[in-house]
């Protein structure tokens, strides 16, 4: 499964699934869950867009992913709240459990 399809899988998780915030140090969890090496590589946005477009990724998804990645770079999602638990009465799933479901 390509990295782009794995990233997309995080966008189409079943209702009620809210993985904890993914940070760079959690690449080892992804590697273990997917049983494949995973490494963070910081690439310029234009390089990412060109590579993703070359895979045939729909332009809407290209925009969605590139703007999401820009938000991550700007640390706009750097906090974990308790909203999910307050709204659902359940704890969010562990990242390892979510990624293991999408091998």
N, C-alpha and C. Protein backbone atom coordinates (compact mmCIF):
# COMPACT_ATOMS: atom_id res chain seq x y z
N UNK A 1 0.85 -1.17 0.00
CA UNK A 1 0.00 0.00 0.00
C UNK A 1 0.90 1.23 0.00
N UNK A 2 0.60 2.20 -0.84
CA UNK A 2 1.45 3.38 -0.94
C UNK A 2 1.27 4.29 0.27
N UNK A 3 2.25 5.15 0.48
CA UNK A 3 2.18 6.11 1.57
C UNK A 3 0.96 7.01 1.39
N UNK A 4 0.65 7.37 0.14
CA UNK A 4 -0.50 8.24 -0.11
C UNK A 4 -1.81 7.54 0.27
N UNK A 5 -1.91 6.25 -0.04
CA UNK A 5 -3.13 5.51 0.33
C UNK A 5 -3.22 5.35 1.84
N UNK A 6 -2.08 5.16 2.50
CA UNK A 6 -2.11 5.06 3.96
C UNK A 6 -2.53 6.38 4.58
N UNK A 7 -1.99 7.48 4.05
CA UNK A 7 -2.39 8.80 4.55
C UNK A 7 -3.88 9.01 4.32
N UNK A 8 -4.36 8.61 3.17
CA UNK A 8 -5.79 8.75 2.86
C UNK A 8 -6.63 7.92 3.80
N UNK A 9 -6.13 6.76 4.21
CA UNK A 9 -6.88 5.89 5.12
C UNK A 9 -7.19 6.61 6.42
N UNK A 10 -6.30 7.49 6.84
CA UNK A 10 -6.55 8.24 8.06
C UNK A 10 -7.71 9.22 7.91
N UNK A 11 -8.02 9.59 6.68
CA UNK A 11 -9.13 10.52 6.42
C UNK A 11 -10.46 9.80 6.32
N UNK A 12 -10.46 8.51 6.10
CA UNK A 12 -11.72 7.79 5.90
C UNK A 12 -11.92 6.75 7.01
N UNK A 13 -11.49 7.07 8.19
CA UNK A 13 -11.66 6.16 9.31
C UNK A 13 -13.13 6.04 9.66
N UNK A 14 -13.55 4.90 10.19
CA UNK A 14 -14.95 4.73 10.59
C UNK A 14 -15.37 5.77 11.62
N UNK A 15 -16.66 6.05 11.68
CA UNK A 15 -17.17 7.01 12.67
C UNK A 15 -16.75 6.59 14.07
N UNK A 16 -16.41 7.56 14.89
CA UNK A 16 -16.03 7.27 16.26
C UNK A 16 -14.55 7.01 16.44
N UNK A 17 -13.80 6.98 15.36
CA UNK A 17 -12.36 6.74 15.44
C UNK A 17 -11.65 8.08 15.40
N UNK A 18 -10.89 8.36 16.43
CA UNK A 18 -10.17 9.63 16.50
C UNK A 18 -8.77 9.35 17.02
N UNK A 19 -7.80 9.10 16.11
CA UNK A 19 -6.47 8.77 16.60
C UNK A 19 -5.85 9.93 17.35
N UNK A 20 -5.04 9.60 18.33
CA UNK A 20 -4.33 10.65 19.06
C UNK A 20 -3.41 11.38 18.09
N UNK A 21 -3.04 12.59 18.44
CA UNK A 21 -2.22 13.44 17.57
C UNK A 21 -0.95 12.71 17.15
N UNK A 22 -0.70 12.71 15.85
CA UNK A 22 0.49 12.06 15.29
C UNK A 22 1.64 13.07 15.29
N UNK A 23 2.74 12.69 15.89
CA UNK A 23 3.94 13.52 15.88
C UNK A 23 5.06 12.72 15.24
N UNK A 24 6.09 13.40 14.87
CA UNK A 24 7.19 12.76 14.15
C UNK A 24 7.77 11.57 14.88
N UNK A 25 7.85 11.63 16.19
CA UNK A 25 8.44 10.52 16.94
C UNK A 25 7.58 9.26 16.89
N UNK A 26 6.36 9.37 16.43
CA UNK A 26 5.47 8.21 16.35
C UNK A 26 5.63 7.43 15.05
N UNK A 27 6.61 7.79 14.24
CA UNK A 27 6.88 7.03 13.02
C UNK A 27 7.22 5.58 13.37
N UNK A 28 7.84 5.37 14.52
CA UNK A 28 8.19 4.00 14.92
C UNK A 28 6.93 3.17 15.18
N UNK A 29 5.87 3.80 15.69
CA UNK A 29 4.60 3.10 15.90
C UNK A 29 4.02 2.69 14.55
N UNK A 30 4.06 3.59 13.57
CA UNK A 30 3.57 3.28 12.23
C UNK A 30 4.38 2.15 11.61
N UNK A 31 5.68 2.20 11.78
CA UNK A 31 6.54 1.16 11.22
C UNK A 31 6.19 -0.20 11.82
N UNK A 32 5.97 -0.24 13.11
CA UNK A 32 5.61 -1.49 13.76
C UNK A 32 4.23 -1.98 13.30
N UNK A 33 3.26 -1.07 13.26
CA UNK A 33 1.89 -1.44 12.88
C UNK A 33 1.82 -1.93 11.44
N UNK A 34 2.53 -1.25 10.55
CA UNK A 34 2.49 -1.58 9.12
C UNK A 34 3.55 -2.60 8.74
N UNK A 35 4.42 -2.95 9.69
CA UNK A 35 5.50 -3.92 9.44
C UNK A 35 6.35 -3.54 8.22
N UNK A 36 6.69 -2.27 8.19
CA UNK A 36 7.53 -1.73 7.12
C UNK A 36 8.26 -0.50 7.66
N UNK A 37 9.45 -0.22 7.17
CA UNK A 37 10.16 0.98 7.64
C UNK A 37 9.36 2.25 7.33
N UNK A 38 9.33 3.15 8.27
CA UNK A 38 8.67 4.44 8.10
C UNK A 38 9.62 5.50 8.61
N UNK A 39 9.84 6.52 7.81
CA UNK A 39 10.71 7.62 8.23
C UNK A 39 10.09 8.94 7.79
N UNK A 40 10.27 9.94 8.59
CA UNK A 40 9.80 11.27 8.23
C UNK A 40 10.84 11.92 7.33
N UNK A 41 10.39 12.45 6.21
CA UNK A 41 11.26 13.18 5.31
C UNK A 41 10.59 14.51 5.03
N UNK A 42 11.23 15.58 5.44
CA UNK A 42 10.67 16.91 5.23
C UNK A 42 10.96 17.33 3.79
N UNK A 43 9.92 17.40 2.97
CA UNK A 43 10.10 17.81 1.58
C UNK A 43 9.32 19.09 1.34
N UNK A 44 9.79 19.92 0.42
CA UNK A 44 9.07 21.16 0.11
C UNK A 44 7.66 20.85 -0.41
N UNK A 45 6.73 21.76 -0.14
CA UNK A 45 5.34 21.56 -0.54
C UNK A 45 5.21 21.33 -2.05
N UNK A 46 5.96 22.08 -2.85
CA UNK A 46 5.84 21.91 -4.31
C UNK A 46 6.32 20.53 -4.76
N UNK A 47 7.33 19.99 -4.08
CA UNK A 47 7.81 18.63 -4.40
C UNK A 47 6.75 17.61 -4.04
N UNK A 48 6.16 17.75 -2.84
CA UNK A 48 5.09 16.84 -2.45
C UNK A 48 3.94 16.88 -3.46
N UNK A 49 3.51 18.08 -3.83
CA UNK A 49 2.39 18.22 -4.75
C UNK A 49 2.69 17.57 -6.10
N UNK A 50 3.91 17.76 -6.59
CA UNK A 50 4.28 17.16 -7.89
C UNK A 50 4.29 15.64 -7.79
N UNK A 51 4.87 15.10 -6.72
CA UNK A 51 4.93 13.65 -6.56
C UNK A 51 3.54 13.05 -6.37
N UNK A 52 2.70 13.71 -5.58
CA UNK A 52 1.35 13.20 -5.34
C UNK A 52 0.51 13.28 -6.62
N UNK A 53 0.65 14.37 -7.36
CA UNK A 53 -0.10 14.51 -8.61
C UNK A 53 0.32 13.45 -9.61
N UNK A 54 1.60 13.09 -9.61
CA UNK A 54 2.09 12.07 -10.54
C UNK A 54 1.48 10.69 -10.26
N UNK A 55 0.97 10.47 -9.04
CA UNK A 55 0.33 9.19 -8.72
C UNK A 55 -1.12 9.15 -9.18
N UNK A 56 -1.62 10.29 -9.66
CA UNK A 56 -3.01 10.35 -10.09
C UNK A 56 -3.96 10.79 -8.99
N UNK A 57 -3.42 11.31 -7.90
CA UNK A 57 -4.25 11.77 -6.80
C UNK A 57 -5.19 12.87 -7.29
N UNK A 58 -6.45 12.75 -6.95
CA UNK A 58 -7.45 13.75 -7.33
C UNK A 58 -7.02 15.13 -6.82
N UNK A 59 -7.18 16.18 -7.63
CA UNK A 59 -6.74 17.52 -7.21
C UNK A 59 -7.35 17.98 -5.87
N UNK A 60 -8.59 17.59 -5.60
CA UNK A 60 -9.19 17.99 -4.33
C UNK A 60 -8.41 17.40 -3.17
N UNK A 61 -8.03 16.10 -3.26
CA UNK A 61 -7.25 15.47 -2.19
C UNK A 61 -5.86 16.07 -2.11
N UNK A 62 -5.30 16.42 -3.24
CA UNK A 62 -3.99 17.07 -3.25
C UNK A 62 -4.05 18.36 -2.44
N UNK A 63 -5.08 19.16 -2.67
CA UNK A 63 -5.26 20.39 -1.90
C UNK A 63 -5.48 20.08 -0.42
N UNK A 64 -6.35 19.10 -0.14
CA UNK A 64 -6.66 18.77 1.25
C UNK A 64 -5.40 18.34 2.01
N UNK A 65 -4.62 17.42 1.42
CA UNK A 65 -3.41 16.95 2.09
C UNK A 65 -2.37 18.06 2.22
N UNK A 66 -2.14 18.82 1.16
CA UNK A 66 -1.08 19.84 1.23
C UNK A 66 -1.44 20.93 2.24
N UNK A 67 -2.73 21.30 2.34
CA UNK A 67 -3.10 22.31 3.33
C UNK A 67 -3.04 21.73 4.74
N UNK A 68 -3.37 20.43 4.91
CA UNK A 68 -3.25 19.80 6.21
C UNK A 68 -1.78 19.76 6.64
N UNK A 69 -0.90 19.36 5.71
CA UNK A 69 0.52 19.29 6.04
C UNK A 69 1.08 20.67 6.38
N UNK A 70 0.59 21.71 5.71
CA UNK A 70 1.02 23.07 6.03
C UNK A 70 0.61 23.43 7.45
N UNK A 71 -0.60 23.03 7.84
CA UNK A 71 -1.06 23.29 9.21
C UNK A 71 -0.20 22.57 10.23
N UNK A 72 0.21 21.35 9.92
CA UNK A 72 1.09 20.60 10.82
C UNK A 72 2.43 21.31 10.95
N UNK A 73 2.99 21.73 9.81
CA UNK A 73 4.27 22.45 9.86
C UNK A 73 4.17 23.71 10.69
N UNK A 74 3.01 24.38 10.66
CA UNK A 74 2.79 25.61 11.42
C UNK A 74 2.40 25.32 12.88
N UNK A 75 2.37 24.05 13.25
CA UNK A 75 2.03 23.60 14.61
C UNK A 75 0.64 24.07 15.03
N UNK A 76 -0.29 24.11 14.07
CA UNK A 76 -1.65 24.52 14.38
C UNK A 76 -2.42 23.41 15.09
N UNK A 77 -1.92 22.18 15.02
CA UNK A 77 -2.60 21.04 15.66
C UNK A 77 -1.68 20.42 16.70
N UNK A 78 -0.99 21.23 17.47
CA UNK A 78 0.02 20.70 18.38
C UNK A 78 -0.52 20.39 19.77
N UNK A 79 -1.83 20.44 19.96
CA UNK A 79 -2.38 20.16 21.29
C UNK A 79 -3.41 19.03 21.19
N UNK A 80 -3.45 18.26 22.24
CA UNK A 80 -4.46 17.21 22.35
C UNK A 80 -5.46 17.66 23.39
N UNK A 81 -6.72 17.67 23.00
CA UNK A 81 -7.78 18.06 23.93
C UNK A 81 -8.57 16.83 24.37
N UNK A 82 -9.60 17.09 25.12
CA UNK A 82 -10.45 16.01 25.60
C UNK A 82 -11.84 16.07 24.96
N UNK A 83 -11.96 16.79 23.86
CA UNK A 83 -13.25 16.97 23.21
C UNK A 83 -13.88 15.64 22.79
N UNK A 84 -13.09 14.76 22.22
CA UNK A 84 -13.62 13.48 21.75
C UNK A 84 -14.26 12.71 22.91
N UNK A 85 -13.55 12.63 24.01
CA UNK A 85 -14.05 11.91 25.18
C UNK A 85 -15.30 12.59 25.73
N UNK A 86 -15.28 13.92 25.78
CA UNK A 86 -16.44 14.64 26.29
C UNK A 86 -17.66 14.46 25.39
N UNK A 87 -17.45 14.42 24.08
CA UNK A 87 -18.58 14.29 23.15
C UNK A 87 -19.11 12.87 23.05
N UNK A 88 -18.22 11.88 23.15
CA UNK A 88 -18.64 10.50 22.91
C UNK A 88 -18.73 9.66 24.18
N UNK A 89 -18.08 10.11 25.25
CA UNK A 89 -18.04 9.32 26.47
C UNK A 89 -17.05 8.18 26.40
N UNK A 90 -16.23 8.14 25.34
CA UNK A 90 -15.22 7.09 25.16
C UNK A 90 -13.86 7.75 24.94
N UNK A 91 -12.83 6.99 25.24
CA UNK A 91 -11.47 7.46 24.97
C UNK A 91 -11.15 7.25 23.50
N UNK A 92 -10.31 8.11 22.91
CA UNK A 92 -9.90 7.88 21.52
C UNK A 92 -9.07 6.61 21.42
N UNK A 93 -9.08 6.01 20.25
CA UNK A 93 -8.26 4.82 20.02
C UNK A 93 -6.79 5.19 20.01
N UNK A 94 -5.97 4.25 20.40
CA UNK A 94 -4.52 4.45 20.35
C UNK A 94 -4.08 4.44 18.89
N UNK A 95 -3.09 5.23 18.56
CA UNK A 95 -2.59 5.31 17.20
C UNK A 95 -2.21 3.93 16.68
N UNK A 96 -1.56 3.12 17.48
CA UNK A 96 -1.14 1.77 17.07
C UNK A 96 -2.35 0.95 16.62
N UNK A 97 -3.46 1.05 17.34
CA UNK A 97 -4.66 0.29 16.99
C UNK A 97 -5.27 0.77 15.66
N UNK A 98 -5.30 2.06 15.46
CA UNK A 98 -5.85 2.61 14.23
C UNK A 98 -5.00 2.20 13.03
N UNK A 99 -3.69 2.36 13.15
CA UNK A 99 -2.80 2.03 12.02
C UNK A 99 -2.78 0.53 11.74
N UNK A 100 -2.86 -0.27 12.78
CA UNK A 100 -2.86 -1.73 12.58
C UNK A 100 -4.08 -2.18 11.79
N UNK A 101 -5.17 -1.45 11.93
CA UNK A 101 -6.40 -1.81 11.21
C UNK A 101 -6.29 -1.51 9.71
N UNK A 102 -5.34 -0.68 9.33
CA UNK A 102 -5.18 -0.27 7.92
C UNK A 102 -3.83 -0.68 7.38
N UNK A 103 -3.47 -1.94 7.50
CA UNK A 103 -2.19 -2.45 6.98
C UNK A 103 -2.23 -2.54 5.50
